[in-house]
mmCIF file of all heavy atoms, coordinates in Angstrom:
data_MODEL
# 
_entry.id   MODEL 
# 
loop_
_atom_site.group_PDB 
_atom_site.id 
_atom_site.type_symbol 
_atom_site.label_atom_id 
_atom_site.label_alt_id 
_atom_site.label_comp_id 
_atom_site.label_asym_id 
_atom_site.label_entity_id 
_atom_site.label_seq_id 
_atom_site.pdbx_PDB_ins_code 
_atom_site.Cartn_x 
_atom_site.Cartn_y 
_atom_site.Cartn_z 
_atom_site.occupancy 
_atom_site.B_iso_or_equiv 
_atom_site.pdbx_formal_charge 
_atom_site.auth_seq_id 
_atom_site.auth_comp_id 
_atom_site.auth_asym_id 
_atom_site.auth_atom_id 
_atom_site.pdbx_PDB_model_num 
ATOM 1   N N   . VAL A 1 1  ? 286.446 182.598 238.405 1.00 0.00 ? 1  VAL A N   1 
ATOM 2   C CA  . VAL A 1 1  ? 285.412 183.219 237.625 1.00 0.00 ? 1  VAL A CA  1 
ATOM 3   C C   . VAL A 1 1  ? 285.261 184.702 237.956 1.00 0.00 ? 1  VAL A C   1 
ATOM 4   O O   . VAL A 1 1  ? 285.095 185.544 237.063 1.00 0.00 ? 1  VAL A O   1 
ATOM 5   C CB  . VAL A 1 1  ? 284.058 182.484 237.828 1.00 0.00 ? 1  VAL A CB  1 
ATOM 6   C CG1 . VAL A 1 1  ? 282.901 183.206 237.105 1.00 0.00 ? 1  VAL A CG1 1 
ATOM 7   C CG2 . VAL A 1 1  ? 284.165 181.050 237.284 1.00 0.00 ? 1  VAL A CG2 1 
ATOM 8   N N   . LYS A 1 2  ? 285.347 185.028 239.259 1.00 0.00 ? 2  LYS A N   1 
ATOM 9   C CA  . LYS A 1 2  ? 285.253 186.418 239.659 1.00 0.00 ? 2  LYS A CA  1 
ATOM 10  C C   . LYS A 1 2  ? 286.385 187.254 239.032 1.00 0.00 ? 2  LYS A C   1 
ATOM 11  O O   . LYS A 1 2  ? 286.201 188.396 238.681 1.00 0.00 ? 2  LYS A O   1 
ATOM 12  C CB  . LYS A 1 2  ? 285.282 186.525 241.174 1.00 0.00 ? 2  LYS A CB  1 
ATOM 13  C CG  . LYS A 1 2  ? 284.019 186.110 241.844 1.00 0.00 ? 2  LYS A CG  1 
ATOM 14  C CD  . LYS A 1 2  ? 284.089 186.293 243.383 1.00 0.00 ? 2  LYS A CD  1 
ATOM 15  C CE  . LYS A 1 2  ? 282.743 185.967 244.018 1.00 0.00 ? 2  LYS A CE  1 
ATOM 16  N NZ  . LYS A 1 2  ? 282.785 186.196 245.486 1.00 0.00 ? 2  LYS A NZ  1 
ATOM 17  N N   . LYS A 1 3  ? 287.597 186.637 238.968 1.00 0.00 ? 3  LYS A N   1 
ATOM 18  C CA  . LYS A 1 3  ? 288.720 187.378 238.338 1.00 0.00 ? 3  LYS A CA  1 
ATOM 19  C C   . LYS A 1 3  ? 288.487 187.561 236.816 1.00 0.00 ? 3  LYS A C   1 
ATOM 20  O O   . LYS A 1 3  ? 288.785 188.621 236.270 1.00 0.00 ? 3  LYS A O   1 
ATOM 21  C CB  . LYS A 1 3  ? 290.013 186.584 238.566 1.00 0.00 ? 3  LYS A CB  1 
ATOM 22  C CG  . LYS A 1 3  ? 290.496 186.675 239.993 1.00 0.00 ? 3  LYS A CG  1 
ATOM 23  C CD  . LYS A 1 3  ? 291.820 185.874 240.171 1.00 0.00 ? 3  LYS A CD  1 
ATOM 24  C CE  . LYS A 1 3  ? 292.284 185.976 241.627 1.00 0.00 ? 3  LYS A CE  1 
ATOM 25  N NZ  . LYS A 1 3  ? 293.527 185.175 241.839 1.00 0.00 ? 3  LYS A NZ  1 
ATOM 26  N N   . THR A 1 4  ? 287.952 186.525 236.183 1.00 0.00 ? 4  THR A N   1 
ATOM 27  C CA  . THR A 1 4  ? 287.680 186.611 234.752 1.00 0.00 ? 4  THR A CA  1 
ATOM 28  C C   . THR A 1 4  ? 286.632 187.673 234.463 1.00 0.00 ? 4  THR A C   1 
ATOM 29  O O   . THR A 1 4  ? 286.733 188.442 233.522 1.00 0.00 ? 4  THR A O   1 
ATOM 30  C CB  . THR A 1 4  ? 287.199 185.222 234.220 1.00 0.00 ? 4  THR A CB  1 
ATOM 31  O OG1 . THR A 1 4  ? 288.202 184.251 234.428 1.00 0.00 ? 4  THR A OG1 1 
ATOM 32  C CG2 . THR A 1 4  ? 286.881 185.305 232.740 1.00 0.00 ? 4  THR A CG2 1 
ATOM 33  N N   . HIS A 1 5  ? 285.558 187.673 235.304 1.00 0.00 ? 5  HIS A N   1 
ATOM 34  C CA  . HIS A 1 5  ? 284.470 188.637 235.110 1.00 0.00 ? 5  HIS A CA  1 
ATOM 35  C C   . HIS A 1 5  ? 284.504 189.685 236.191 1.00 0.00 ? 5  HIS A C   1 
ATOM 36  O O   . HIS A 1 5  ? 283.479 190.016 236.835 1.00 0.00 ? 5  HIS A O   1 
ATOM 37  C CB  . HIS A 1 5  ? 283.141 187.899 235.121 1.00 0.00 ? 5  HIS A CB  1 
ATOM 38  C CG  . HIS A 1 5  ? 282.973 186.908 234.036 1.00 0.00 ? 5  HIS A CG  1 
ATOM 39  N ND1 . HIS A 1 5  ? 282.776 187.271 232.710 1.00 0.00 ? 5  HIS A ND1 1 
ATOM 40  C CD2 . HIS A 1 5  ? 282.964 185.555 234.009 1.00 0.00 ? 5  HIS A CD2 1 
ATOM 41  C CE1 . HIS A 1 5  ? 282.659 186.171 231.941 1.00 0.00 ? 5  HIS A CE1 1 
ATOM 42  N NE2 . HIS A 1 5  ? 282.773 185.140 232.720 1.00 0.00 ? 5  HIS A NE2 1 
ATOM 43  N N   . TYR A 1 6  ? 285.695 190.289 236.369 1.00 0.00 ? 6  TYR A N   1 
ATOM 44  C CA  . TYR A 1 6  ? 285.854 191.303 237.404 1.00 0.00 ? 6  TYR A CA  1 
ATOM 45  C C   . TYR A 1 6  ? 284.984 192.531 237.219 1.00 0.00 ? 6  TYR A C   1 
ATOM 46  O O   . TYR A 1 6  ? 284.675 193.265 238.151 1.00 0.00 ? 6  TYR A O   1 
ATOM 47  C CB  . TYR A 1 6  ? 287.362 191.734 237.451 1.00 0.00 ? 6  TYR A CB  1 
ATOM 48  C CG  . TYR A 1 6  ? 287.811 192.460 236.221 1.00 0.00 ? 6  TYR A CG  1 
ATOM 49  C CD1 . TYR A 1 6  ? 287.722 193.848 236.135 1.00 0.00 ? 6  TYR A CD1 1 
ATOM 50  C CD2 . TYR A 1 6  ? 288.285 191.744 235.137 1.00 0.00 ? 6  TYR A CD2 1 
ATOM 51  C CE1 . TYR A 1 6  ? 288.093 194.504 234.940 1.00 0.00 ? 6  TYR A CE1 1 
ATOM 52  C CE2 . TYR A 1 6  ? 288.674 192.401 233.951 1.00 0.00 ? 6  TYR A CE2 1 
ATOM 53  C CZ  . TYR A 1 6  ? 288.566 193.764 233.874 1.00 0.00 ? 6  TYR A CZ  1 
ATOM 54  O OH  . TYR A 1 6  ? 288.970 194.432 232.723 1.00 0.00 ? 6  TYR A OH  1 
ATOM 55  N N   . ASP A 1 7  ? 284.567 192.761 235.961 1.00 0.00 ? 7  ASP A N   1 
ATOM 56  C CA  . ASP A 1 7  ? 283.755 193.961 235.629 1.00 0.00 ? 7  ASP A CA  1 
ATOM 57  C C   . ASP A 1 7  ? 282.270 193.677 235.675 1.00 0.00 ? 7  ASP A C   1 
ATOM 58  O O   . ASP A 1 7  ? 281.449 194.545 235.377 1.00 0.00 ? 7  ASP A O   1 
ATOM 59  C CB  . ASP A 1 7  ? 284.130 194.476 234.260 1.00 0.00 ? 7  ASP A CB  1 
ATOM 60  C CG  . ASP A 1 7  ? 284.030 193.411 233.144 1.00 0.00 ? 7  ASP A CG  1 
ATOM 61  O OD1 . ASP A 1 7  ? 284.000 192.200 233.482 1.00 0.00 ? 7  ASP A OD1 1 
ATOM 62  O OD2 . ASP A 1 7  ? 283.975 193.773 231.991 1.00 0.00 ? 7  ASP A OD2 1 
ATOM 63  N N   . ALA A 1 8  ? 281.862 192.420 236.098 1.00 0.00 ? 8  ALA A N   1 
ATOM 64  C CA  . ALA A 1 8  ? 280.484 192.096 236.149 1.00 0.00 ? 8  ALA A CA  1 
ATOM 65  C C   . ALA A 1 8  ? 279.836 192.658 237.451 1.00 0.00 ? 8  ALA A C   1 
ATOM 66  O O   . ALA A 1 8  ? 280.531 192.879 238.446 1.00 0.00 ? 8  ALA A O   1 
ATOM 67  C CB  . ALA A 1 8  ? 280.253 190.601 236.116 1.00 0.00 ? 8  ALA A CB  1 
ATOM 68  N N   . ARG A 1 9  ? 278.546 192.840 237.446 1.00 0.00 ? 9  ARG A N   1 
ATOM 69  C CA  . ARG A 1 9  ? 277.839 193.344 238.600 1.00 0.00 ? 9  ARG A CA  1 
ATOM 70  C C   . ARG A 1 9  ? 277.795 192.258 239.725 1.00 0.00 ? 9  ARG A C   1 
ATOM 71  O O   . ARG A 1 9  ? 277.954 192.581 240.917 1.00 0.00 ? 9  ARG A O   1 
ATOM 72  C CB  . ARG A 1 9  ? 276.415 193.786 238.238 1.00 0.00 ? 9  ARG A CB  1 
ATOM 73  C CG  . ARG A 1 9  ? 275.561 194.285 239.370 1.00 0.00 ? 9  ARG A CG  1 
ATOM 74  C CD  . ARG A 1 9  ? 275.993 195.640 239.908 1.00 0.00 ? 9  ARG A CD  1 
ATOM 75  N NE  . ARG A 1 9  ? 275.805 196.703 238.939 1.00 0.00 ? 9  ARG A NE  1 
ATOM 76  C CZ  . ARG A 1 9  ? 274.719 197.449 238.815 1.00 0.00 ? 9  ARG A CZ  1 
ATOM 77  N NH1 . ARG A 1 9  ? 273.692 197.227 239.669 1.00 0.00 ? 9  ARG A NH1 1 
ATOM 78  N NH2 . ARG A 1 9  ? 274.614 198.406 237.913 1.00 0.00 ? 9  ARG A NH2 1 
ATOM 79  N N   . HIS A 1 10 ? 277.530 191.034 239.342 1.00 0.00 ? 10 HIS A N   1 
ATOM 80  C CA  . HIS A 1 10 ? 277.422 189.951 240.322 1.00 0.00 ? 10 HIS A CA  1 
ATOM 81  C C   . HIS A 1 10 ? 277.989 188.665 239.761 1.00 0.00 ? 10 HIS A C   1 
ATOM 82  O O   . HIS A 1 10 ? 277.887 188.347 238.608 1.00 0.00 ? 10 HIS A O   1 
ATOM 83  C CB  . HIS A 1 10 ? 275.909 189.691 240.648 1.00 0.00 ? 10 HIS A CB  1 
ATOM 84  C CG  . HIS A 1 10 ? 275.186 190.926 241.120 1.00 0.00 ? 10 HIS A CG  1 
ATOM 85  N ND1 . HIS A 1 10 ? 275.281 191.416 242.367 1.00 0.00 ? 10 HIS A ND1 1 
ATOM 86  C CD2 . HIS A 1 10 ? 274.322 191.706 240.437 1.00 0.00 ? 10 HIS A CD2 1 
ATOM 87  C CE1 . HIS A 1 10 ? 274.522 192.510 242.464 1.00 0.00 ? 10 HIS A CE1 1 
ATOM 88  N NE2 . HIS A 1 10 ? 273.895 192.707 241.297 1.00 0.00 ? 10 HIS A NE2 1 
ATOM 89  N N   . ASN A 1 11 ? 278.580 187.881 240.697 1.00 0.00 ? 11 ASN A N   1 
ATOM 90  C CA  . ASN A 1 11 ? 279.006 186.503 240.394 1.00 0.00 ? 11 ASN A CA  1 
ATOM 91  C C   . ASN A 1 11 ? 278.453 185.630 241.501 1.00 0.00 ? 11 ASN A C   1 
ATOM 92  O O   . ASN A 1 11 ? 279.054 185.455 242.562 1.00 0.00 ? 11 ASN A O   1 
ATOM 93  C CB  . ASN A 1 11 ? 280.549 186.413 240.365 1.00 0.00 ? 11 ASN A CB  1 
ATOM 94  C CG  . ASN A 1 11 ? 281.169 187.029 239.149 1.00 0.00 ? 11 ASN A CG  1 
ATOM 95  O OD1 . ASN A 1 11 ? 281.084 186.492 238.029 1.00 0.00 ? 11 ASN A OD1 1 
ATOM 96  N ND2 . ASN A 1 11 ? 281.742 188.228 239.292 1.00 0.00 ? 11 ASN A ND2 1 
ATOM 97  N N   . CYS A 1 12 ? 277.265 185.102 241.239 1.00 0.00 ? 12 CYS A N   1 
ATOM 98  C CA  . CYS A 1 12 ? 276.565 184.313 242.239 1.00 0.00 ? 12 CYS A CA  1 
ATOM 99  C C   . CYS A 1 12 ? 276.865 182.808 242.041 1.00 0.00 ? 12 CYS A C   1 
ATOM 100 O O   . CYS A 1 12 ? 277.124 182.402 240.916 1.00 0.00 ? 12 CYS A O   1 
ATOM 101 C CB  . CYS A 1 12 ? 275.066 184.553 242.161 1.00 0.00 ? 12 CYS A CB  1 
ATOM 102 S SG  . CYS A 1 12 ? 274.648 186.307 242.212 1.00 0.00 ? 12 CYS A SG  1 
ATOM 103 N N   . PHE A 1 13 ? 276.839 182.027 243.116 1.00 0.00 ? 13 PHE A N   1 
ATOM 104 C CA  . PHE A 1 13 ? 277.213 180.633 242.976 1.00 0.00 ? 13 PHE A CA  1 
ATOM 105 C C   . PHE A 1 13 ? 276.516 179.716 243.964 1.00 0.00 ? 13 PHE A C   1 
ATOM 106 O O   . PHE A 1 13 ? 275.935 180.180 244.960 1.00 0.00 ? 13 PHE A O   1 
ATOM 107 C CB  . PHE A 1 13 ? 278.737 180.469 243.157 1.00 0.00 ? 13 PHE A CB  1 
ATOM 108 C CG  . PHE A 1 13 ? 279.231 180.682 244.572 1.00 0.00 ? 13 PHE A CG  1 
ATOM 109 C CD1 . PHE A 1 13 ? 279.270 179.587 245.455 1.00 0.00 ? 13 PHE A CD1 1 
ATOM 110 C CD2 . PHE A 1 13 ? 279.680 181.907 245.043 1.00 0.00 ? 13 PHE A CD2 1 
ATOM 111 C CE1 . PHE A 1 13 ? 279.691 179.754 246.764 1.00 0.00 ? 13 PHE A CE1 1 
ATOM 112 C CE2 . PHE A 1 13 ? 280.112 182.085 246.328 1.00 0.00 ? 13 PHE A CE2 1 
ATOM 113 C CZ  . PHE A 1 13 ? 280.125 181.018 247.216 1.00 0.00 ? 13 PHE A CZ  1 
ATOM 114 N N   . ALA A 1 14 ? 276.636 178.453 243.677 1.00 0.00 ? 14 ALA A N   1 
ATOM 115 C CA  . ALA A 1 14 ? 276.238 177.419 244.632 1.00 0.00 ? 14 ALA A CA  1 
ATOM 116 C C   . ALA A 1 14 ? 277.047 176.171 244.333 1.00 0.00 ? 14 ALA A C   1 
ATOM 117 O O   . ALA A 1 14 ? 277.465 175.954 243.208 1.00 0.00 ? 14 ALA A O   1 
ATOM 118 C CB  . ALA A 1 14 ? 274.719 177.085 244.487 1.00 0.00 ? 14 ALA A CB  1 
ATOM 119 N N   . TYR A 1 15 ? 277.282 175.384 245.403 1.00 0.00 ? 15 TYR A N   1 
ATOM 120 C CA  . TYR A 1 15 ? 277.976 174.127 245.162 1.00 0.00 ? 15 TYR A CA  1 
ATOM 121 C C   . TYR A 1 15 ? 277.442 173.029 246.062 1.00 0.00 ? 15 TYR A C   1 
ATOM 122 O O   . TYR A 1 15 ? 276.789 173.288 247.054 1.00 0.00 ? 15 TYR A O   1 
ATOM 123 C CB  . TYR A 1 15 ? 279.505 174.271 245.371 1.00 0.00 ? 15 TYR A CB  1 
ATOM 124 C CG  . TYR A 1 15 ? 279.976 174.627 246.763 1.00 0.00 ? 15 TYR A CG  1 
ATOM 125 C CD1 . TYR A 1 15 ? 279.848 173.738 247.826 1.00 0.00 ? 15 TYR A CD1 1 
ATOM 126 C CD2 . TYR A 1 15 ? 280.612 175.834 247.006 1.00 0.00 ? 15 TYR A CD2 1 
ATOM 127 C CE1 . TYR A 1 15 ? 280.311 174.070 249.119 1.00 0.00 ? 15 TYR A CE1 1 
ATOM 128 C CE2 . TYR A 1 15 ? 281.059 176.164 248.305 1.00 0.00 ? 15 TYR A CE2 1 
ATOM 129 C CZ  . TYR A 1 15 ? 280.920 175.280 249.336 1.00 0.00 ? 15 TYR A CZ  1 
ATOM 130 O OH  . TYR A 1 15 ? 281.340 175.607 250.585 1.00 0.00 ? 15 TYR A OH  1 
ATOM 131 N N   . SER A 1 16 ? 277.671 171.792 245.594 1.00 0.00 ? 16 SER A N   1 
ATOM 132 C CA  . SER A 1 16 ? 277.378 170.602 246.395 1.00 0.00 ? 16 SER A CA  1 
ATOM 133 C C   . SER A 1 16 ? 278.566 169.696 246.257 1.00 0.00 ? 16 SER A C   1 
ATOM 134 O O   . SER A 1 16 ? 278.909 169.199 245.158 1.00 0.00 ? 16 SER A O   1 
ATOM 135 C CB  . SER A 1 16 ? 276.120 169.912 245.814 1.00 0.00 ? 16 SER A CB  1 
ATOM 136 O OG  . SER A 1 16 ? 275.878 168.729 246.538 1.00 0.00 ? 16 SER A OG  1 
ATOM 137 N N   . VAL A 1 17 ? 279.235 169.469 247.339 1.00 0.00 ? 17 VAL A N   1 
ATOM 138 C CA  . VAL A 1 17 ? 280.510 168.721 247.354 1.00 0.00 ? 17 VAL A CA  1 
ATOM 139 C C   . VAL A 1 17 ? 280.388 167.529 248.295 1.00 0.00 ? 17 VAL A C   1 
ATOM 140 O O   . VAL A 1 17 ? 279.889 167.648 249.418 1.00 0.00 ? 17 VAL A O   1 
ATOM 141 C CB  . VAL A 1 17 ? 281.692 169.621 247.822 1.00 0.00 ? 17 VAL A CB  1 
ATOM 142 C CG1 . VAL A 1 17 ? 282.961 168.798 247.909 1.00 0.00 ? 17 VAL A CG1 1 
ATOM 143 C CG2 . VAL A 1 17 ? 281.849 170.765 246.854 1.00 0.00 ? 17 VAL A CG2 1 
ATOM 144 N N   . GLY A 1 18 ? 280.838 166.355 247.819 1.00 0.00 ? 18 GLY A N   1 
ATOM 145 C CA  . GLY A 1 18 ? 280.809 165.163 248.632 1.00 0.00 ? 18 GLY A CA  1 
ATOM 146 C C   . GLY A 1 18 ? 279.767 164.173 248.116 1.00 0.00 ? 18 GLY A C   1 
ATOM 147 O O   . GLY A 1 18 ? 278.691 164.618 247.673 1.00 0.00 ? 18 GLY A O   1 
ATOM 148 N N   . LEU A 1 19 ? 280.104 162.885 248.160 1.00 0.00 ? 19 LEU A N   1 
ATOM 149 C CA  . LEU A 1 19 ? 279.176 161.901 247.682 1.00 0.00 ? 19 LEU A CA  1 
ATOM 150 C C   . LEU A 1 19 ? 278.379 161.271 248.806 1.00 0.00 ? 19 LEU A C   1 
ATOM 151 O O   . LEU A 1 19 ? 277.142 161.277 248.829 1.00 0.00 ? 19 LEU A O   1 
ATOM 152 C CB  . LEU A 1 19 ? 279.912 160.805 246.877 1.00 0.00 ? 19 LEU A CB  1 
ATOM 153 C CG  . LEU A 1 19 ? 280.536 161.308 245.601 1.00 0.00 ? 19 LEU A CG  1 
ATOM 154 C CD1 . LEU A 1 19 ? 281.402 160.246 244.942 1.00 0.00 ? 19 LEU A CD1 1 
ATOM 155 C CD2 . LEU A 1 19 ? 279.444 161.785 244.607 1.00 0.00 ? 19 LEU A CD2 1 
ATOM 156 N N   . SER A 1 20 ? 279.094 160.737 249.836 1.00 0.00 ? 20 SER A N   1 
ATOM 157 C CA  . SER A 1 20 ? 278.379 160.105 250.926 1.00 0.00 ? 20 SER A CA  1 
ATOM 158 C C   . SER A 1 20 ? 277.809 161.150 251.883 1.00 0.00 ? 20 SER A C   1 
ATOM 159 O O   . SER A 1 20 ? 276.671 161.036 252.358 1.00 0.00 ? 20 SER A O   1 
ATOM 160 C CB  . SER A 1 20 ? 279.287 159.162 251.698 1.00 0.00 ? 20 SER A CB  1 
ATOM 161 O OG  . SER A 1 20 ? 280.456 159.832 252.151 1.00 0.00 ? 20 SER A OG  1 
ATOM 162 N N   . GLU A 1 21 ? 278.549 162.206 252.129 1.00 0.00 ? 21 GLU A N   1 
ATOM 163 C CA  . GLU A 1 21 ? 278.085 163.277 252.981 1.00 0.00 ? 21 GLU A CA  1 
ATOM 164 C C   . GLU A 1 21 ? 278.345 164.616 252.263 1.00 0.00 ? 21 GLU A C   1 
ATOM 165 O O   . GLU A 1 21 ? 279.487 165.042 252.212 1.00 0.00 ? 21 GLU A O   1 
ATOM 166 C CB  . GLU A 1 21 ? 278.797 163.286 254.362 1.00 0.00 ? 21 GLU A CB  1 
ATOM 167 C CG  . GLU A 1 21 ? 278.465 162.088 255.194 1.00 0.00 ? 21 GLU A CG  1 
ATOM 168 C CD  . GLU A 1 21 ? 279.159 162.139 256.556 1.00 0.00 ? 21 GLU A CD  1 
ATOM 169 O OE1 . GLU A 1 21 ? 279.792 163.161 256.874 1.00 0.00 ? 21 GLU A OE1 1 
ATOM 170 O OE2 . GLU A 1 21 ? 279.052 161.146 257.305 1.00 0.00 ? 21 GLU A OE2 1 
ATOM 171 N N   . LYS A 1 22 ? 277.323 165.193 251.718 1.00 0.00 ? 22 LYS A N   1 
ATOM 172 C CA  . LYS A 1 22 ? 277.524 166.369 250.904 1.00 0.00 ? 22 LYS A CA  1 
ATOM 173 C C   . LYS A 1 22 ? 277.532 167.655 251.747 1.00 0.00 ? 22 LYS A C   1 
ATOM 174 O O   . LYS A 1 22 ? 276.863 167.765 252.757 1.00 0.00 ? 22 LYS A O   1 
ATOM 175 C CB  . LYS A 1 22 ? 276.448 166.459 249.795 1.00 0.00 ? 22 LYS A CB  1 
ATOM 176 C CG  . LYS A 1 22 ? 275.050 166.643 250.281 1.00 0.00 ? 22 LYS A CG  1 
ATOM 177 C CD  . LYS A 1 22 ? 274.096 166.716 249.105 1.00 0.00 ? 22 LYS A CD  1 
ATOM 178 C CE  . LYS A 1 22 ? 272.643 166.891 249.594 1.00 0.00 ? 22 LYS A CE  1 
ATOM 179 N NZ  . LYS A 1 22 ? 271.691 166.953 248.456 1.00 0.00 ? 22 LYS A NZ  1 
ATOM 180 N N   . GLN A 1 23 ? 278.336 168.615 251.245 1.00 0.00 ? 23 GLN A N   1 
ATOM 181 C CA  . GLN A 1 23 ? 278.361 169.962 251.838 1.00 0.00 ? 23 GLN A CA  1 
ATOM 182 C C   . GLN A 1 23 ? 277.850 170.907 250.759 1.00 0.00 ? 23 GLN A C   1 
ATOM 183 O O   . GLN A 1 23 ? 278.295 170.851 249.620 1.00 0.00 ? 23 GLN A O   1 
ATOM 184 C CB  . GLN A 1 23 ? 279.787 170.344 252.244 1.00 0.00 ? 23 GLN A CB  1 
ATOM 185 C CG  . GLN A 1 23 ? 280.415 169.439 253.274 1.00 0.00 ? 23 GLN A CG  1 
ATOM 186 C CD  . GLN A 1 23 ? 281.806 169.919 253.610 1.00 0.00 ? 23 GLN A CD  1 
ATOM 187 O OE1 . GLN A 1 23 ? 282.026 170.933 254.221 1.00 0.00 ? 23 GLN A OE1 1 
ATOM 188 N NE2 . GLN A 1 23 ? 282.787 169.131 253.212 1.00 0.00 ? 23 GLN A NE2 1 
ATOM 189 N N   . VAL A 1 24 ? 276.928 171.787 251.146 1.00 0.00 ? 24 VAL A N   1 
ATOM 190 C CA  . VAL A 1 24 ? 276.375 172.763 250.197 1.00 0.00 ? 24 VAL A CA  1 
ATOM 191 C C   . VAL A 1 24 ? 276.558 174.152 250.733 1.00 0.00 ? 24 VAL A C   1 
ATOM 192 O O   . VAL A 1 24 ? 276.624 174.424 251.923 1.00 0.00 ? 24 VAL A O   1 
ATOM 193 C CB  . VAL A 1 24 ? 274.893 172.473 249.889 1.00 0.00 ? 24 VAL A CB  1 
ATOM 194 C CG1 . VAL A 1 24 ? 274.657 171.098 249.347 1.00 0.00 ? 24 VAL A CG1 1 
ATOM 195 C CG2 . VAL A 1 24 ? 274.026 172.678 251.152 1.00 0.00 ? 24 VAL A CG2 1 
ATOM 196 N N   . ARG A 1 25 ? 276.646 175.102 249.789 1.00 0.00 ? 25 ARG A N   1 
ATOM 197 C CA  . ARG A 1 25 ? 276.731 176.524 250.124 1.00 0.00 ? 25 ARG A CA  1 
ATOM 198 C C   . ARG A 1 25 ? 276.274 177.316 248.906 1.00 0.00 ? 25 ARG A C   1 
ATOM 199 O O   . ARG A 1 25 ? 276.398 176.841 247.760 1.00 0.00 ? 25 ARG A O   1 
ATOM 200 C CB  . ARG A 1 25 ? 278.186 176.891 250.466 1.00 0.00 ? 25 ARG A CB  1 
ATOM 201 C CG  . ARG A 1 25 ? 278.329 178.343 250.853 1.00 0.00 ? 25 ARG A CG  1 
ATOM 202 C CD  . ARG A 1 25 ? 279.794 178.755 251.058 1.00 0.00 ? 25 ARG A CD  1 
ATOM 203 N NE  . ARG A 1 25 ? 279.962 180.167 251.161 1.00 0.00 ? 25 ARG A NE  1 
ATOM 204 C CZ  . ARG A 1 25 ? 281.160 180.776 251.111 1.00 0.00 ? 25 ARG A CZ  1 
ATOM 205 N NH1 . ARG A 1 25 ? 282.250 180.094 251.014 1.00 0.00 ? 25 ARG A NH1 1 
ATOM 206 N NH2 . ARG A 1 25 ? 281.217 182.111 251.165 1.00 0.00 ? 25 ARG A NH2 1 
# 
């Protein structure tokens, strides 16, 4: 997404990965 929108001011994100034990960032 950052490559697609290389000219944007910000590309902010969050994720939640894992079903039994999730990792977030």
